[in-house]
Amino acid sequence: MTQQHPYTVMTVCTGNICRSPMAEIILRAEFESRGIGEDRVRVLSSGVSDEEYGHPIDPRAVRVLRADGYEIPTHHFAHRV
């Protein structure tokens, strides 16, 4: 790993609207809480299907994340690996 090439963690699920974006948000927050910024570890998510392409995070996932105090990015739209 160098400053120009941080590690990348990719979370993957079927549609990229529930599980993988939830994992991305939680992992990113956990890394940040330990002082590990995106200059060292990038956390991304994708799906294996394009069925949900372009859709935002599922409202049920948003409710769970907000209830646990996580900030929801407004820029997430489902995409495929």
PDB file of N, CA and C in Angstrom:
ATOM      1  N   MET A   1       0.840  -1.181   0.000  1.00  0.00           N
ATOM      2  CA  MET A   1       0.000   0.000   0.000  1.00  0.00           C
ATOM      3  C   MET A   1       0.882   1.240   0.000  1.00  0.00           C
ATOM      4  N   THR A   2       0.531   2.203  -0.809  1.00  0.00           N
ATOM      5  CA  THR A   2       1.195   3.502  -0.823  1.00  0.00           C
ATOM      6  C   THR A   2       0.140   4.585  -0.704  1.00  0.00           C
ATOM      7  N   GLN A   3       0.580   5.807  -0.565  1.00  0.00           N
ATOM      8  CA  GLN A   3      -0.367   6.913  -0.486  1.00  0.00           C
ATOM      9  C   GLN A   3      -1.226   6.983  -1.747  1.00  0.00           C
ATOM     10  N   GLN A   4      -0.657   6.636  -2.901  1.00  0.00           N
ATOM     11  CA  GLN A   4      -1.407   6.714  -4.145  1.00  0.00           C
ATOM     12  C   GLN A   4      -2.358   5.530  -4.329  1.00  0.00           C
ATOM     13  N   HIS A   5      -2.106   4.433  -3.641  1.00  0.00           N
ATOM     14  CA  HIS A   5      -2.891   3.224  -3.850  1.00  0.00           C
ATOM     15  C   HIS A   5      -3.348   2.645  -2.515  1.00  0.00           C
ATOM     16  N   PRO A   6      -4.446   3.166  -1.962  1.00  0.00           N
ATOM     17  CA  PRO A   6      -4.936   2.601  -0.699  1.00  0.00           C
ATOM     18  C   PRO A   6      -5.524   1.211  -0.928  1.00  0.00           C
ATOM     19  N   TYR A   7      -5.673   0.472   0.164  1.00  0.00           N
ATOM     20  CA  TYR A   7      -6.388  -0.799   0.086  1.00  0.00           C
ATOM     21  C   TYR A   7      -7.836  -0.505  -0.293  1.00  0.00           C
ATOM     22  N   THR A   8      -8.485  -1.477  -0.917  1.00  0.00           N
ATOM     23  CA  THR A   8      -9.900  -1.350  -1.255  1.00  0.00           C
ATOM     24  C   THR A   8     -10.643  -2.551  -0.695  1.00  0.00           C
ATOM     25  N   VAL A   9     -11.747  -2.280   0.000  1.00  0.00           N
ATOM     26  CA  VAL A   9     -12.655  -3.319   0.472  1.00  0.00           C
ATOM     27  C   VAL A   9     -13.939  -3.148  -0.329  1.00  0.00           C
ATOM     28  N   MET A  10     -14.345  -4.202  -1.031  1.00  0.00           N
ATOM     29  CA  MET A  10     -15.567  -4.162  -1.835  1.00  0.00           C
ATOM     30  C   MET A  10     -16.590  -5.096  -1.210  1.00  0.00           C
ATOM     31  N   THR A  11     -17.745  -4.552  -0.830  1.00  0.00           N
ATOM     32  CA  THR A  11     -18.839  -5.378  -0.331  1.00  0.00           C
ATOM     33  C   THR A  11     -19.796  -5.615  -1.494  1.00  0.00           C
ATOM     34  N   VAL A  12     -20.287  -6.851  -1.610  1.00  0.00           N
ATOM     35  CA  VAL A  12     -21.097  -7.222  -2.771  1.00  0.00           C
ATOM     36  C   VAL A  12     -22.341  -7.979  -2.314  1.00  0.00           C
ATOM     37  N   CYS A  13     -23.468  -7.641  -2.909  1.00  0.00           N
ATOM     38  CA  CYS A  13     -24.697  -8.412  -2.724  1.00  0.00           C
ATOM     39  C   CYS A  13     -25.387  -8.502  -4.079  1.00  0.00           C
ATOM     40  N   THR A  14     -26.626  -8.889  -4.105  1.00  0.00           N
ATOM     41  CA  THR A  14     -27.309  -9.079  -5.381  1.00  0.00           C
ATOM     42  C   THR A  14     -27.586  -7.757  -6.096  1.00  0.00           C
ATOM     43  N   GLY A  15     -28.307  -6.847  -5.447  1.00  0.00           N
ATOM     44  CA  GLY A  15     -28.767  -5.650  -6.140  1.00  0.00           C
ATOM     45  C   GLY A  15     -28.094  -4.352  -5.766  1.00  0.00           C
ATOM     46  N   ASN A  16     -27.288  -4.343  -4.705  1.00  0.00           N
ATOM     47  CA  ASN A  16     -26.588  -3.145  -4.241  1.00  0.00           C
ATOM     48  C   ASN A  16     -27.550  -2.069  -3.744  1.00  0.00           C
ATOM     49  N   ILE A  17     -28.651  -2.512  -3.095  1.00  0.00           N
ATOM     50  CA  ILE A  17     -29.551  -1.538  -2.486  1.00  0.00           C
ATOM     51  C   ILE A  17     -29.786  -1.806  -0.997  1.00  0.00           C
ATOM     52  N   CYS A  18     -29.385  -2.968  -0.493  1.00  0.00           N
ATOM     53  CA  CYS A  18     -29.595  -3.283   0.931  1.00  0.00           C
ATOM     54  C   CYS A  18     -28.291  -3.675   1.620  1.00  0.00           C
ATOM     55  N   ARG A  19     -27.913  -4.933   1.483  1.00  0.00           N
ATOM     56  CA  ARG A  19     -26.809  -5.476   2.272  1.00  0.00           C
ATOM     57  C   ARG A  19     -25.461  -4.837   1.977  1.00  0.00           C
ATOM     58  N   SER A  20     -25.090  -4.767   0.708  1.00  0.00           N
ATOM     59  CA  SER A  20     -23.750  -4.239   0.418  1.00  0.00           C
ATOM     60  C   SER A  20     -23.610  -2.756   0.739  1.00  0.00           C
ATOM     61  N   PRO A  21     -24.612  -1.890   0.464  1.00  0.00           N
ATOM     62  CA  PRO A  21     -24.425  -0.505   0.885  1.00  0.00           C
ATOM     63  C   PRO A  21     -24.444  -0.349   2.406  1.00  0.00           C
ATOM     64  N   MET A  22     -25.227  -1.192   3.095  1.00  0.00           N
ATOM     65  CA  MET A  22     -25.202  -1.144   4.561  1.00  0.00           C
ATOM     66  C   MET A  22     -23.812  -1.505   5.070  1.00  0.00           C
ATOM     67  N   ALA A  23     -23.248  -2.574   4.522  1.00  0.00           N
ATOM     68  CA  ALA A  23     -21.903  -2.986   4.936  1.00  0.00           C
ATOM     69  C   ALA A  23     -20.882  -1.904   4.613  1.00  0.00           C
ATOM     70  N   GLU A  24     -21.013  -1.275   3.455  1.00  0.00           N
ATOM     71  CA  GLU A  24     -20.096  -0.196   3.068  1.00  0.00           C
ATOM     72  C   GLU A  24     -20.151   0.951   4.074  1.00  0.00           C
ATOM     73  N   ILE A  25     -21.348   1.379   4.428  1.00  0.00           N
ATOM     74  CA  ILE A  25     -21.520   2.500   5.355  1.00  0.00           C
ATOM     75  C   ILE A  25     -20.970   2.153   6.731  1.00  0.00           C
ATOM     76  N   ILE A  26     -21.276   0.963   7.224  1.00  0.00           N
ATOM     77  CA  ILE A  26     -20.821   0.549   8.555  1.00  0.00           C
ATOM     78  C   ILE A  26     -19.305   0.373   8.579  1.00  0.00           C
ATOM     79  N   LEU A  27     -18.750  -0.304   7.578  1.00  0.00           N
ATOM     80  CA  LEU A  27     -17.291  -0.493   7.535  1.00  0.00           C
ATOM     81  C   LEU A  27     -16.556   0.839   7.449  1.00  0.00           C
ATOM     82  N   ARG A  28     -17.029   1.731   6.586  1.00  0.00           N
ATOM     83  CA  ARG A  28     -16.379   3.034   6.450  1.00  0.00           C
ATOM     84  C   ARG A  28     -16.390   3.782   7.793  1.00  0.00           C
ATOM     85  N   ALA A  29     -17.534   3.763   8.473  1.00  0.00           N
ATOM     86  CA  ALA A  29     -17.635   4.436   9.771  1.00  0.00           C
ATOM     87  C   ALA A  29     -16.703   3.800  10.799  1.00  0.00           C
ATOM     88  N   GLU A  30     -16.610   2.478  10.795  1.00  0.00           N
ATOM     89  CA  GLU A  30     -15.726   1.797  11.747  1.00  0.00           C
ATOM     90  C   GLU A  30     -14.260   2.107  11.472  1.00  0.00           C
ATOM     91  N   PHE A  31     -13.859   2.100  10.204  1.00  0.00           N
ATOM     92  CA  PHE A  31     -12.483   2.484   9.875  1.00  0.00           C
ATOM     93  C   PHE A  31     -12.208   3.910  10.330  1.00  0.00           C
ATOM     94  N   GLU A  32     -13.127   4.836  10.020  1.00  0.00           N
ATOM     95  CA  GLU A  32     -12.937   6.234  10.397  1.00  0.00           C
ATOM     96  C   GLU A  32     -12.856   6.400  11.910  1.00  0.00           C
ATOM     97  N   SER A  33     -13.659   5.641  12.656  1.00  0.00           N
ATOM     98  CA  SER A  33     -13.638   5.759  14.118  1.00  0.00           C
ATOM     99  C   SER A  33     -12.314   5.290  14.712  1.00  0.00           C
ATOM    100  N   ARG A  34     -11.555   4.524  13.937  1.00  0.00           N
ATOM    101  CA  ARG A  34     -10.245   4.042  14.381  1.00  0.00           C
ATOM    102  C   ARG A  34      -9.100   4.832  13.746  1.00  0.00           C
ATOM    103  N   GLY A  35      -9.460   5.956  13.115  1.00  0.00           N
ATOM    104  CA  GLY A  35      -8.441   6.812  12.524  1.00  0.00           C
ATOM    105  C   GLY A  35      -7.892   6.316  11.200  1.00  0.00           C
ATOM    106  N   ILE A  36      -8.615   5.421  10.556  1.00  0.00           N
ATOM    107  CA  ILE A  36      -8.181   4.884   9.261  1.00  0.00           C
ATOM    108  C   ILE A  36      -9.052   5.529   8.188  1.00  0.00           C
ATOM    109  N   GLY A  37      -8.494   6.522   7.514  1.00  0.00           N
ATOM    110  CA  GLY A  37      -9.253   7.276   6.527  1.00  0.00           C
ATOM    111  C   GLY A  37      -9.214   6.651   5.149  1.00  0.00           C
ATOM    112  N   GLU A  38      -9.938   7.279   4.227  1.00  0.00           N
ATOM    113  CA  GLU A  38     -10.010   6.763   2.855  1.00  0.00           C
ATOM    114  C   GLU A  38      -8.695   6.902   2.107  1.00  0.00           C
ATOM    115  N   ASP A  39      -7.749   7.631   2.668  1.00  0.00           N
ATOM    116  CA  ASP A  39      -6.421   7.674   2.054  1.00  0.00           C
ATOM    117  C   ASP A  39      -5.686   6.353   2.266  1.00  0.00           C
ATOM    118  N   ARG A  40      -6.155   5.539   3.236  1.00  0.00           N
ATOM    119  CA  ARG A  40      -5.537   4.240   3.510  1.00  0.00           C
ATOM    120  C   ARG A  40      -6.412   3.067   3.091  1.00  0.00           C
ATOM    121  N   VAL A  41      -7.733   3.186   3.296  1.00  0.00           N
ATOM    122  CA  VAL A  41      -8.658   2.105   2.942  1.00  0.00           C
ATOM    123  C   VAL A  41      -9.912   2.713   2.312  1.00  0.00           C
ATOM    124  N   ARG A  42     -10.169   2.344   1.070  1.00  0.00           N
ATOM    125  CA  ARG A  42     -11.413   2.750   0.411  1.00  0.00           C
ATOM    126  C   ARG A  42     -12.429   1.636   0.603  1.00  0.00           C
ATOM    127  N   VAL A  43     -13.651   1.999   0.932  1.00  0.00           N
ATOM    128  CA  VAL A  43     -14.721   1.014   1.080  1.00  0.00           C
ATOM    129  C   VAL A  43     -15.773   1.320   0.015  1.00  0.00           C
ATOM    130  N   LEU A  44     -16.085   0.313  -0.777  1.00  0.00           N
ATOM    131  CA  LEU A  44     -17.033   0.454  -1.879  1.00  0.00           C
ATOM    132  C   LEU A  44     -18.061  -0.670  -1.818  1.00  0.00           C
ATOM    133  N   SER A  45     -19.120  -0.543  -2.596  1.00  0.00           N
ATOM    134  CA  SER A  45     -20.092  -1.632  -2.695  1.00  0.00           C
ATOM    135  C   SER A  45     -20.599  -1.738  -4.123  1.00  0.00           C
ATOM    136  N   SER A  46     -21.037  -2.933  -4.468  1.00  0.00           N
ATOM    137  CA  SER A  46     -21.602  -3.208  -5.792  1.00  0.00           C
ATOM    138  C   SER A  46     -22.568  -4.376  -5.682  1.00  0.00           C
ATOM    139  N   GLY A  47     -23.298  -4.599  -6.758  1.00  0.00           N
ATOM    140  CA  GLY A  47     -24.180  -5.749  -6.856  1.00  0.00           C
ATOM    141  C   GLY A  47     -23.736  -6.646  -7.999  1.00  0.00           C
ATOM    142  N   VAL A  48     -24.271  -7.858  -8.039  1.00  0.00           N
ATOM    143  CA  VAL A  48     -23.948  -8.771  -9.135  1.00  0.00           C
ATOM    144  C   VAL A  48     -25.028  -8.750 -10.216  1.00  0.00           C
ATOM    145  N   SER A  49     -26.135  -8.099  -9.946  1.00  0.00           N
ATOM    146  CA  SER A  49     -27.237  -7.998 -10.894  1.00  0.00           C
ATOM    147  C   SER A  49     -27.443  -6.530 -11.244  1.00  0.00           C
ATOM    148  N   ASP A  50     -27.914  -6.268 -12.442  1.00  0.00           N
ATOM    149  CA  ASP A  50     -28.229  -4.881 -12.787  1.00  0.00           C
ATOM    150  C   ASP A  50     -29.727  -4.598 -12.657  1.00  0.00           C
ATOM    151  N   GLU A  51     -30.434  -5.505 -11.996  1.00  0.00           N
ATOM    152  CA  GLU A  51     -31.882  -5.369 -11.800  1.00  0.00           C
ATOM    153  C   GLU A  51     -32.250  -4.077 -11.061  1.00  0.00           C
ATOM    154  N   GLU A  52     -31.435  -3.673 -10.108  1.00  0.00           N
ATOM    155  CA  GLU A  52     -31.719  -2.476  -9.305  1.00  0.00           C
ATOM    156  C   GLU A  52     -30.897  -1.269  -9.756  1.00  0.00           C
ATOM    157  N   TYR A  53     -30.242  -1.369 -10.895  1.00  0.00           N
ATOM    158  CA  TYR A  53     -29.339  -0.322 -11.369  1.00  0.00           C
ATOM    159  C   TYR A  53     -29.984   1.064 -11.269  1.00  0.00           C
ATOM    160  N   GLY A  54     -29.261   1.987 -10.651  1.00  0.00           N
ATOM    161  CA  GLY A  54     -29.711   3.367 -10.542  1.00  0.00           C
ATOM    162  C   GLY A  54     -30.617   3.675  -9.372  1.00  0.00           C
ATOM    163  N   HIS A  55     -31.057   2.647  -8.644  1.00  0.00           N
ATOM    164  CA  HIS A  55     -31.947   2.874  -7.506  1.00  0.00           C
ATOM    165  C   HIS A  55     -31.152   3.293  -6.267  1.00  0.00           C
ATOM    166  N   PRO A  56     -31.769   4.085  -5.393  1.00  0.00           N
ATOM    167  CA  PRO A  56     -31.106   4.455  -4.138  1.00  0.00           C
ATOM    168  C   PRO A  56     -31.149   3.292  -3.145  1.00  0.00           C
ATOM    169  N   ILE A  57     -30.534   3.494  -1.995  1.00  0.00           N
ATOM    170  CA  ILE A  57     -30.565   2.489  -0.923  1.00  0.00           C
ATOM    171  C   ILE A  57     -32.022   2.257  -0.519  1.00  0.00           C
ATOM    172  N   ASP A  58     -32.373   1.003  -0.299  1.00  0.00           N
ATOM    173  CA  ASP A  58     -33.725   0.631   0.086  1.00  0.00           C
ATOM    174  C   ASP A  58     -34.137   1.372   1.361  1.00  0.00           C
ATOM    175  N   PRO A  59     -35.371   1.896   1.423  1.00  0.00           N
ATOM    176  CA  PRO A  59     -35.821   2.644   2.603  1.00  0.00           C
ATOM    177  C   PRO A  59     -35.730   1.857   3.909  1.00  0.00           C
ATOM    178  N   ARG A  60     -35.915   0.541   3.852  1.00  0.00           N
ATOM    179  CA  ARG A  60     -35.798  -0.269   5.076  1.00  0.00           C
ATOM    180  C   ARG A  60     -34.365  -0.270   5.584  1.00  0.00           C
ATOM    181  N   ALA A  61     -33.407  -0.351   4.670  1.00  0.00           N
ATOM    182  CA  ALA A  61     -31.997  -0.298   5.062  1.00  0.00           C
ATOM    183  C   ALA A  61     -31.663   1.074   5.631  1.00  0.00           C
ATOM    184  N   VAL A  62     -32.201   2.116   5.021  1.00  0.00           N
ATOM    185  CA  VAL A  62     -31.980   3.480   5.513  1.00  0.00           C
ATOM    186  C   VAL A  62     -32.502   3.616   6.939  1.00  0.00           C
ATOM    187  N   ARG A  63     -33.707   3.093   7.206  1.00  0.00           N
ATOM    188  CA  ARG A  63     -34.281   3.176   8.559  1.00  0.00           C
ATOM    189  C   ARG A  63     -33.386   2.498   9.589  1.00  0.00           C
ATOM    190  N   VAL A  64     -32.902   1.306   9.260  1.00  0.00           N
ATOM    191  CA  VAL A  64     -32.047   0.562  10.191  1.00  0.00           C
ATOM    192  C   VAL A  64     -30.745   1.319  10.443  1.00  0.00           C
ATOM    193  N   LEU A  65     -30.130   1.807   9.384  1.00  0.00           N
ATOM    194  CA  LEU A  65     -28.866   2.542   9.535  1.00  0.00           C
ATOM    195  C   LEU A  65     -29.060   3.812  10.358  1.00  0.00           C
ATOM    196  N   ARG A  66     -30.108   4.568  10.058  1.00  0.00           N
ATOM    197  CA  ARG A  66     -30.370   5.802  10.821  1.00  0.00           C
ATOM    198  C   ARG A  66     -30.655   5.493  12.283  1.00  0.00           C
ATOM    199  N   ALA A  67     -31.408   4.424  12.541  1.00  0.00           N
ATOM    200  CA  ALA A  67     -31.723   4.045  13.924  1.00  0.00           C
ATOM    201  C   ALA A  67     -30.457   3.729  14.707  1.00  0.00           C
ATOM    202  N   ASP A  68     -29.430   3.259  14.008  1.00  0.00           N
ATOM    203  CA  ASP A  68     -28.158   2.952  14.660  1.00  0.00           C
ATOM    204  C   ASP A  68     -27.173   4.114  14.594  1.00  0.00           C
ATOM    205  N   GLY A  69     -27.623   5.262  14.086  1.00  0.00           N
ATOM    206  CA  GLY A  69     -26.804   6.465  14.113  1.00  0.00           C
ATOM    207  C   GLY A  69     -25.862   6.668  12.940  1.00  0.00           C
ATOM    208  N   TYR A  70     -26.042   5.918  11.870  1.00  0.00           N
ATOM    209  CA  TYR A  70     -25.156   6.069  10.710  1.00  0.00           C
ATOM    210  C   TYR A  70     -25.677   7.148   9.774  1.00  0.00           C
ATOM    211  N   GLU A  71     -24.749   7.873   9.179  1.00  0.00           N
ATOM    212  CA  GLU A  71     -25.085   8.894   8.199  1.00  0.00           C
ATOM    213  C   GLU A  71     -25.295   8.220   6.842  1.00  0.00           C
ATOM    214  N   ILE A  72     -26.353   8.596   6.163  1.00  0.00           N
ATOM    215  CA  ILE A  72     -26.695   7.981   4.884  1.00  0.00           C
ATOM    216  C   ILE A  72     -26.202   8.877   3.749  1.00  0.00           C
ATOM    217  N   PRO A  73     -25.358   8.347   2.869  1.00  0.00           N
ATOM    218  CA  PRO A  73     -24.892   9.168   1.744  1.00  0.00           C
ATOM    219  C   PRO A  73     -26.030   9.410   0.748  1.00  0.00           C
ATOM    220  N   THR A  74     -26.089  10.608   0.222  1.00  0.00           N
ATOM    221  CA  THR A  74     -27.133  10.924  -0.757  1.00  0.00           C
ATOM    222  C   THR A  74     -26.703  10.542  -2.163  1.00  0.00           C
ATOM    223  N   HIS A  75     -25.449  10.202  -2.334  1.00  0.00           N
ATOM    224  CA  HIS A  75     -24.900   9.933  -3.658  1.00  0.00           C
ATOM    225  C   HIS A  75     -24.894   8.450  -4.046  1.00  0.00           C
ATOM    226  N   HIS A  76     -25.438   7.559  -3.204  1.00  0.00           N
ATOM    227  CA  HIS A  76     -25.391   6.127  -3.537  1.00  0.00           C
ATOM    228  C   HIS A  76     -26.526   5.750  -4.484  1.00  0.00           C
ATOM    229  N   PHE A  77     -26.157   5.172  -5.608  1.00  0.00           N
ATOM    230  CA  PHE A  77     -27.119   4.593  -6.536  1.00  0.00           C
ATOM    231  C   PHE A  77     -26.589   3.231  -6.952  1.00  0.00           C
ATOM    232  N   ALA A  78     -27.476   2.242  -6.946  1.00  0.00           N
ATOM    233  CA  ALA A  78     -27.072   0.859  -7.212  1.00  0.00           C
ATOM    234  C   ALA A  78     -26.352   0.736  -8.549  1.00  0.00           C
ATOM    235  N   HIS A  79     -25.306  -0.074  -8.526  1.00  0.00           N
ATOM    236  CA  HIS A  79     -24.565  -0.379  -9.745  1.00  0.00           C
ATOM    237  C   HIS A  79     -23.994  -1.787  -9.637  1.00  0.00           C
ATOM    238  N   ARG A  80     -23.554  -2.289 -10.749  1.00  0.00           N
ATOM    239  CA  ARG A  80     -23.086  -3.668 -10.840  1.00  0.00           C
ATOM    240  C   ARG A  80     -21.561  -3.722 -10.864  1.00  0.00           C
ATOM    241  N   VAL A  81     -21.024  -4.827 -10.350  1.00  0.00           N
ATOM    242  CA  VAL A  81     -19.574  -5.036 -10.359  1.00  0.00           C
ATOM    243  C   VAL A  81     -19.075  -5.009 -11.783  1.00  0.00           C
TER     244      VAL A  81
END
